[in-house]
Amino acid sequence: MADVTGIFIIMLLVASAAFAPLGYFIYKYTKKNGDPFGDTEPHGDSHSAVNDLAEKAIHFVKSRIGKK
């Protein structure tokens, strides 16, 4: 019976670690009246470093393909 209890506790720890990011997102989403990360623009045209980097990478690849 001790084996079943030990496995149950280990599985409970693994499940809580696996679902912790989901719980954190739900907590953040419900914190500010449905705004998950504060004030965001609804149309998604805000500038970010990731978007700029992706655009530069796409233009770089297109220019390399276009030269051949």
PDB file of N, CA and C in Angstrom:
ATOM      1  N   MET A   1       0.819  -1.194   0.000  1.00  0.00           N
ATOM      2  CA  MET A   1       0.000   0.000   0.000  1.00  0.00           C
ATOM      3  C   MET A   1       0.867   1.263   0.000  1.00  0.00           C
ATOM      4  N   ALA A   2       2.052   1.182   0.546  1.00  0.00           N
ATOM      5  CA  ALA A   2       2.942   2.338   0.586  1.00  0.00           C
ATOM      6  C   ALA A   2       3.403   2.715  -0.812  1.00  0.00           C
ATOM      7  N   ASP A   3       3.529   1.739  -1.710  1.00  0.00           N
ATOM      8  CA  ASP A   3       3.934   2.027  -3.084  1.00  0.00           C
ATOM      9  C   ASP A   3       2.875   2.862  -3.799  1.00  0.00           C
ATOM     10  N   VAL A   4       1.622   2.533  -3.579  1.00  0.00           N
ATOM     11  CA  VAL A   4       0.539   3.277  -4.218  1.00  0.00           C
ATOM     12  C   VAL A   4       0.495   4.711  -3.704  1.00  0.00           C
ATOM     13  N   THR A   5       0.696   4.895  -2.437  1.00  0.00           N
ATOM     14  CA  THR A   5       0.700   6.240  -1.852  1.00  0.00           C
ATOM     15  C   THR A   5       1.879   7.058  -2.380  1.00  0.00           C
ATOM     16  N   GLY A   6       3.036   6.437  -2.477  1.00  0.00           N
ATOM     17  CA  GLY A   6       4.211   7.131  -3.005  1.00  0.00           C
ATOM     18  C   GLY A   6       4.023   7.539  -4.456  1.00  0.00           C
ATOM     19  N   ILE A   7       3.489   6.638  -5.267  1.00  0.00           N
ATOM     20  CA  ILE A   7       3.230   6.956  -6.673  1.00  0.00           C
ATOM     21  C   ILE A   7       2.200   8.066  -6.781  1.00  0.00           C
ATOM     22  N   PHE A   8       1.173   8.039  -5.920  1.00  0.00           N
ATOM     23  CA  PHE A   8       0.148   9.078  -5.934  1.00  0.00           C
ATOM     24  C   PHE A   8       0.763  10.444  -5.622  1.00  0.00           C
ATOM     25  N   ILE A   9       1.635  10.496  -4.636  1.00  0.00           N
ATOM     26  CA  ILE A   9       2.256  11.772  -4.265  1.00  0.00           C
ATOM     27  C   ILE A   9       3.164  12.271  -5.387  1.00  0.00           C
ATOM     28  N   ILE A  10       3.948  11.377  -5.993  1.00  0.00           N
ATOM     29  CA  ILE A  10       4.818  11.774  -7.093  1.00  0.00           C
ATOM     30  C   ILE A  10       3.993  12.274  -8.280  1.00  0.00           C
ATOM     31  N   MET A  11       2.915  11.579  -8.606  1.00  0.00           N
ATOM     32  CA  MET A  11       2.058  12.002  -9.717  1.00  0.00           C
ATOM     33  C   MET A  11       1.397  13.343  -9.412  1.00  0.00           C
ATOM     34  N   LEU A  12       1.046  13.576  -8.171  1.00  0.00           N
ATOM     35  CA  LEU A  12       0.454  14.857  -7.786  1.00  0.00           C
ATOM     36  C   LEU A  12       1.461  15.991  -7.949  1.00  0.00           C
ATOM     37  N   LEU A  13       2.708  15.754  -7.588  1.00  0.00           N
ATOM     38  CA  LEU A  13       3.748  16.769  -7.765  1.00  0.00           C
ATOM     39  C   LEU A  13       4.020  17.047  -9.243  1.00  0.00           C
ATOM     40  N   VAL A  14       4.073  16.004 -10.059  1.00  0.00           N
ATOM     41  CA  VAL A  14       4.306  16.177 -11.493  1.00  0.00           C
ATOM     42  C   VAL A  14       3.145  16.932 -12.133  1.00  0.00           C
ATOM     43  N   ALA A  15       1.922  16.592 -11.768  1.00  0.00           N
ATOM     44  CA  ALA A  15       0.750  17.268 -12.338  1.00  0.00           C
ATOM     45  C   ALA A  15       0.703  18.731 -11.923  1.00  0.00           C
ATOM     46  N   SER A  16       1.043  19.026 -10.687  1.00  0.00           N
ATOM     47  CA  SER A  16       1.018  20.435 -10.259  1.00  0.00           C
ATOM     48  C   SER A  16       2.111  21.235 -10.972  1.00  0.00           C
ATOM     49  N   ALA A  17       3.258  20.626 -11.236  1.00  0.00           N
ATOM     50  CA  ALA A  17       4.307  21.326 -11.982  1.00  0.00           C
ATOM     51  C   ALA A  17       3.906  21.512 -13.439  1.00  0.00           C
ATOM     52  N   ALA A  18       3.178  20.545 -14.004  1.00  0.00           N
ATOM     53  CA  ALA A  18       2.782  20.641 -15.405  1.00  0.00           C
ATOM     54  C   ALA A  18       1.691  21.695 -15.611  1.00  0.00           C
ATOM     55  N   PHE A  19       0.804  21.853 -14.658  1.00  0.00           N
ATOM     56  CA  PHE A  19      -0.303  22.786 -14.827  1.00  0.00           C
ATOM     57  C   PHE A  19      -0.067  24.140 -14.164  1.00  0.00           C
ATOM     58  N   ALA A  20       1.090  24.349 -13.582  1.00  0.00           N
ATOM     59  CA  ALA A  20       1.394  25.637 -12.952  1.00  0.00           C
ATOM     60  C   ALA A  20       1.393  26.791 -13.955  1.00  0.00           C
ATOM     61  N   PRO A  21       1.973  26.649 -15.173  1.00  0.00           N
ATOM     62  CA  PRO A  21       1.904  27.765 -16.126  1.00  0.00           C
ATOM     63  C   PRO A  21       0.474  28.122 -16.524  1.00  0.00           C
ATOM     64  N   LEU A  22      -0.381  27.121 -16.647  1.00  0.00           N
ATOM     65  CA  LEU A  22      -1.783  27.394 -16.980  1.00  0.00           C
ATOM     66  C   LEU A  22      -2.457  28.172 -15.858  1.00  0.00           C
ATOM     67  N   GLY A  23      -2.216  27.772 -14.634  1.00  0.00           N
ATOM     68  CA  GLY A  23      -2.791  28.483 -13.495  1.00  0.00           C
ATOM     69  C   GLY A  23      -2.285  29.904 -13.397  1.00  0.00           C
ATOM     70  N   TYR A  24      -1.002  30.106 -13.702  1.00  0.00           N
ATOM     71  CA  TYR A  24      -0.437  31.458 -13.667  1.00  0.00           C
ATOM     72  C   TYR A  24      -1.065  32.342 -14.737  1.00  0.00           C
ATOM     73  N   PHE A  25      -1.266  31.794 -15.949  1.00  0.00           N
ATOM     74  CA  PHE A  25      -1.892  32.575 -17.006  1.00  0.00           C
ATOM     75  C   PHE A  25      -3.329  32.929 -16.645  1.00  0.00           C
ATOM     76  N   ILE A  26      -4.072  31.987 -16.100  1.00  0.00           N
ATOM     77  CA  ILE A  26      -5.452  32.273 -15.697  1.00  0.00           C
ATOM     78  C   ILE A  26      -5.472  33.344 -14.609  1.00  0.00           C
ATOM     79  N   TYR A  27      -4.538  33.273 -13.685  1.00  0.00           N
ATOM     80  CA  TYR A  27      -4.446  34.286 -12.624  1.00  0.00           C
ATOM     81  C   TYR A  27      -4.168  35.662 -13.213  1.00  0.00           C
ATOM     82  N   LYS A  28      -3.206  35.750 -14.142  1.00  0.00           N
ATOM     83  CA  LYS A  28      -2.877  37.033 -14.756  1.00  0.00           C
ATOM     84  C   LYS A  28      -4.023  37.546 -15.618  1.00  0.00           C
ATOM     85  N   TYR A  29      -4.725  36.636 -16.305  1.00  0.00           N
ATOM     86  CA  TYR A  29      -5.807  37.044 -17.194  1.00  0.00           C
ATOM     87  C   TYR A  29      -6.981  37.614 -16.414  1.00  0.00           C
ATOM     88  N   THR A  30      -7.286  37.043 -15.282  1.00  0.00           N
ATOM     89  CA  THR A  30      -8.433  37.507 -14.504  1.00  0.00           C
ATOM     90  C   THR A  30      -8.066  38.649 -13.558  1.00  0.00           C
ATOM     91  N   LYS A  31      -6.795  39.000 -13.485  1.00  0.00           N
ATOM     92  CA  LYS A  31      -6.361  40.024 -12.537  1.00  0.00           C
ATOM     93  C   LYS A  31      -6.836  41.423 -12.920  1.00  0.00           C
ATOM     94  N   LYS A  32      -6.774  41.781 -14.203  1.00  0.00           N
ATOM     95  CA  LYS A  32      -7.101  43.139 -14.631  1.00  0.00           C
ATOM     96  C   LYS A  32      -8.290  43.156 -15.585  1.00  0.00           C
ATOM     97  N   ASN A  33      -9.398  42.630 -15.177  1.00  0.00           N
ATOM     98  CA  ASN A  33     -10.645  42.682 -15.948  1.00  0.00           C
ATOM     99  C   ASN A  33     -10.488  42.123 -17.365  1.00  0.00           C
ATOM    100  N   GLY A  34      -9.800  41.033 -17.500  1.00  0.00           N
ATOM    101  CA  GLY A  34      -9.684  40.397 -18.803  1.00  0.00           C
ATOM    102  C   GLY A  34      -8.506  40.828 -19.628  1.00  0.00           C
ATOM    103  N   ASP A  35      -7.669  41.736 -19.140  1.00  0.00           N
ATOM    104  CA  ASP A  35      -6.457  42.120 -19.859  1.00  0.00           C
ATOM    105  C   ASP A  35      -5.314  41.231 -19.367  1.00  0.00           C
ATOM    106  N   PRO A  36      -4.839  40.300 -20.198  1.00  0.00           N
ATOM    107  CA  PRO A  36      -3.860  39.349 -19.698  1.00  0.00           C
ATOM    108  C   PRO A  36      -2.511  39.969 -19.357  1.00  0.00           C
ATOM    109  N   PHE A  37      -2.055  40.962 -20.094  1.00  0.00           N
ATOM    110  CA  PHE A  37      -0.745  41.537 -19.858  1.00  0.00           C
ATOM    111  C   PHE A  37      -0.816  43.054 -19.832  1.00  0.00           C
ATOM    112  N   GLY A  38      -1.844  43.597 -19.232  1.00  0.00           N
ATOM    113  CA  GLY A  38      -1.990  45.038 -19.153  1.00  0.00           C
ATOM    114  C   GLY A  38      -2.705  45.591 -20.372  1.00  0.00           C
ATOM    115  N   ASP A  39      -2.422  46.831 -20.711  1.00  0.00           N
ATOM    116  CA  ASP A  39      -3.064  47.488 -21.842  1.00  0.00           C
ATOM    117  C   ASP A  39      -2.386  47.057 -23.137  1.00  0.00           C
ATOM    118  N   THR A  40      -3.106  46.338 -23.969  1.00  0.00           N
ATOM    119  CA  THR A  40      -2.584  45.910 -25.268  1.00  0.00           C
ATOM    120  C   THR A  40      -3.484  46.468 -26.354  1.00  0.00           C
ATOM    121  N   GLU A  41      -2.921  46.678 -27.528  1.00  0.00           N
ATOM    122  CA  GLU A  41      -3.705  47.182 -28.641  1.00  0.00           C
ATOM    123  C   GLU A  41      -4.498  46.027 -29.254  1.00  0.00           C
ATOM    124  N   PRO A  42      -5.776  46.225 -29.516  1.00  0.00           N
ATOM    125  CA  PRO A  42      -6.589  45.114 -30.011  1.00  0.00           C
ATOM    126  C   PRO A  42      -6.217  44.670 -31.420  1.00  0.00           C
ATOM    127  N   HIS A  43      -5.633  45.550 -32.235  1.00  0.00           N
ATOM    128  CA  HIS A  43      -5.347  45.185 -33.620  1.00  0.00           C
ATOM    129  C   HIS A  43      -3.979  44.559 -33.779  1.00  0.00           C
ATOM    130  N   GLY A  44      -3.136  44.592 -32.777  1.00  0.00           N
ATOM    131  CA  GLY A  44      -1.855  43.907 -32.811  1.00  0.00           C
ATOM    132  C   GLY A  44      -0.780  44.591 -33.623  1.00  0.00           C
ATOM    133  N   ASP A  45      -0.888  45.878 -33.873  1.00  0.00           N
ATOM    134  CA  ASP A  45       0.108  46.586 -34.662  1.00  0.00           C
ATOM    135  C   ASP A  45       1.162  47.278 -33.801  1.00  0.00           C
ATOM    136  N   SER A  46       1.248  46.908 -32.559  1.00  0.00           N
ATOM    137  CA  SER A  46       2.226  47.556 -31.699  1.00  0.00           C
ATOM    138  C   SER A  46       3.629  47.061 -32.047  1.00  0.00           C
ATOM    139  N   HIS A  47       4.611  47.942 -31.913  1.00  0.00           N
ATOM    140  CA  HIS A  47       5.989  47.601 -32.241  1.00  0.00           C
ATOM    141  C   HIS A  47       6.597  46.780 -31.105  1.00  0.00           C
ATOM    142  N   SER A  48       7.382  45.803 -31.488  1.00  0.00           N
ATOM    143  CA  SER A  48       8.107  45.029 -30.496  1.00  0.00           C
ATOM    144  C   SER A  48       9.434  44.585 -31.091  1.00  0.00           C
ATOM    145  N   ALA A  49      10.362  44.254 -30.233  1.00  0.00           N
ATOM    146  CA  ALA A  49      11.682  43.812 -30.690  1.00  0.00           C
ATOM    147  C   ALA A  49      11.592  42.494 -31.438  1.00  0.00           C
ATOM    148  N   VAL A  50      10.694  41.625 -31.021  1.00  0.00           N
ATOM    149  CA  VAL A  50      10.553  40.323 -31.674  1.00  0.00           C
ATOM    150  C   VAL A  50      10.010  40.495 -33.093  1.00  0.00           C
ATOM    151  N   ASN A  51       8.999  41.352 -33.256  1.00  0.00           N
ATOM    152  CA  ASN A  51       8.447  41.591 -34.588  1.00  0.00           C
ATOM    153  C   ASN A  51       9.484  42.233 -35.510  1.00  0.00           C
ATOM    154  N   ASP A  52      10.242  43.196 -34.988  1.00  0.00           N
ATOM    155  CA  ASP A  52      11.277  43.840 -35.798  1.00  0.00           C
ATOM    156  C   ASP A  52      12.356  42.848 -36.214  1.00  0.00           C
ATOM    157  N   LEU A  53      12.765  41.987 -35.291  1.00  0.00           N
ATOM    158  CA  LEU A  53      13.773  40.979 -35.603  1.00  0.00           C
ATOM    159  C   LEU A  53      13.259  39.990 -36.648  1.00  0.00           C
ATOM    160  N   ALA A  54      11.994  39.584 -36.523  1.00  0.00           N
ATOM    161  CA  ALA A  54      11.424  38.656 -37.499  1.00  0.00           C
ATOM    162  C   ALA A  54      11.333  39.307 -38.880  1.00  0.00           C
ATOM    163  N   GLU A  55      10.947  40.574 -38.937  1.00  0.00           N
ATOM    164  CA  GLU A  55      10.872  41.265 -40.221  1.00  0.00           C
ATOM    165  C   GLU A  55      12.247  41.397 -40.868  1.00  0.00           C
ATOM    166  N   LYS A  56      13.264  41.694 -40.061  1.00  0.00           N
ATOM    167  CA  LYS A  56      14.620  41.787 -40.600  1.00  0.00           C
ATOM    168  C   LYS A  56      15.088  40.441 -41.135  1.00  0.00           C
ATOM    169  N   ALA A  57      14.776  39.380 -40.426  1.00  0.00           N
ATOM    170  CA  ALA A  57      15.175  38.040 -40.870  1.00  0.00           C
ATOM    171  C   ALA A  57      14.467  37.664 -42.171  1.00  0.00           C
ATOM    172  N   ILE A  58      13.195  37.994 -42.283  1.00  0.00           N
ATOM    173  CA  ILE A  58      12.444  37.683 -43.505  1.00  0.00           C
ATOM    174  C   ILE A  58      13.006  38.463 -44.683  1.00  0.00           C
ATOM    175  N   HIS A  59      13.288  39.734 -44.483  1.00  0.00           N
ATOM    176  CA  HIS A  59      13.851  40.544 -45.568  1.00  0.00           C
ATOM    177  C   HIS A  59      15.242  40.052 -45.958  1.00  0.00           C
ATOM    178  N   PHE A  60      16.029  39.610 -44.980  1.00  0.00           N
ATOM    179  CA  PHE A  60      17.364  39.085 -45.271  1.00  0.00           C
ATOM    180  C   PHE A  60      17.275  37.822 -46.130  1.00  0.00           C
ATOM    181  N   VAL A  61      16.381  36.922 -45.751  1.00  0.00           N
ATOM    182  CA  VAL A  61      16.225  35.679 -46.509  1.00  0.00           C
ATOM    183  C   VAL A  61      15.697  35.963 -47.915  1.00  0.00           C
ATOM    184  N   LYS A  62      14.747  36.877 -48.022  1.00  0.00           N
ATOM    185  CA  LYS A  62      14.217  37.225 -49.354  1.00  0.00           C
ATOM    186  C   LYS A  62      15.287  37.839 -50.228  1.00  0.00           C
ATOM    187  N   SER A  63      16.153  38.676 -49.643  1.00  0.00           N
ATOM    188  CA  SER A  63      17.210  39.287 -50.454  1.00  0.00           C
ATOM    189  C   SER A  63      18.227  38.239 -50.889  1.00  0.00           C
ATOM    190  N   ARG A  64      18.526  37.266 -50.064  1.00  0.00           N
ATOM    191  CA  ARG A  64      19.469  36.207 -50.441  1.00  0.00           C
ATOM    192  C   ARG A  64      18.878  35.306 -51.509  1.00  0.00           C
ATOM    193  N   ILE A  65      17.598  35.018 -51.439  1.00  0.00           N
ATOM    194  CA  ILE A  65      16.947  34.171 -52.433  1.00  0.00           C
ATOM    195  C   ILE A  65      16.818  34.932 -53.756  1.00  0.00           C
ATOM    196  N   GLY A  66      16.541  36.227 -53.678  1.00  0.00           N
ATOM    197  CA  GLY A  66      16.357  37.042 -54.871  1.00  0.00           C
ATOM    198  C   GLY A  66      17.634  37.237 -55.678  1.00  0.00           C
ATOM    199  N   LYS A  67      18.796  37.143 -55.042  1.00  0.00           N
ATOM    200  CA  LYS A  67      20.067  37.334 -55.754  1.00  0.00           C
ATOM    201  C   LYS A  67      20.424  36.141 -56.620  1.00  0.00           C
ATOM    202  N   LYS A  68      19.918  34.969 -56.295  1.00  0.00           N
ATOM    203  CA  LYS A  68      20.277  33.759 -57.061  1.00  0.00           C
ATOM    204  C   LYS A  68      19.435  33.604 -58.263  1.00  0.00           C
TER     205      LYS A  68
END
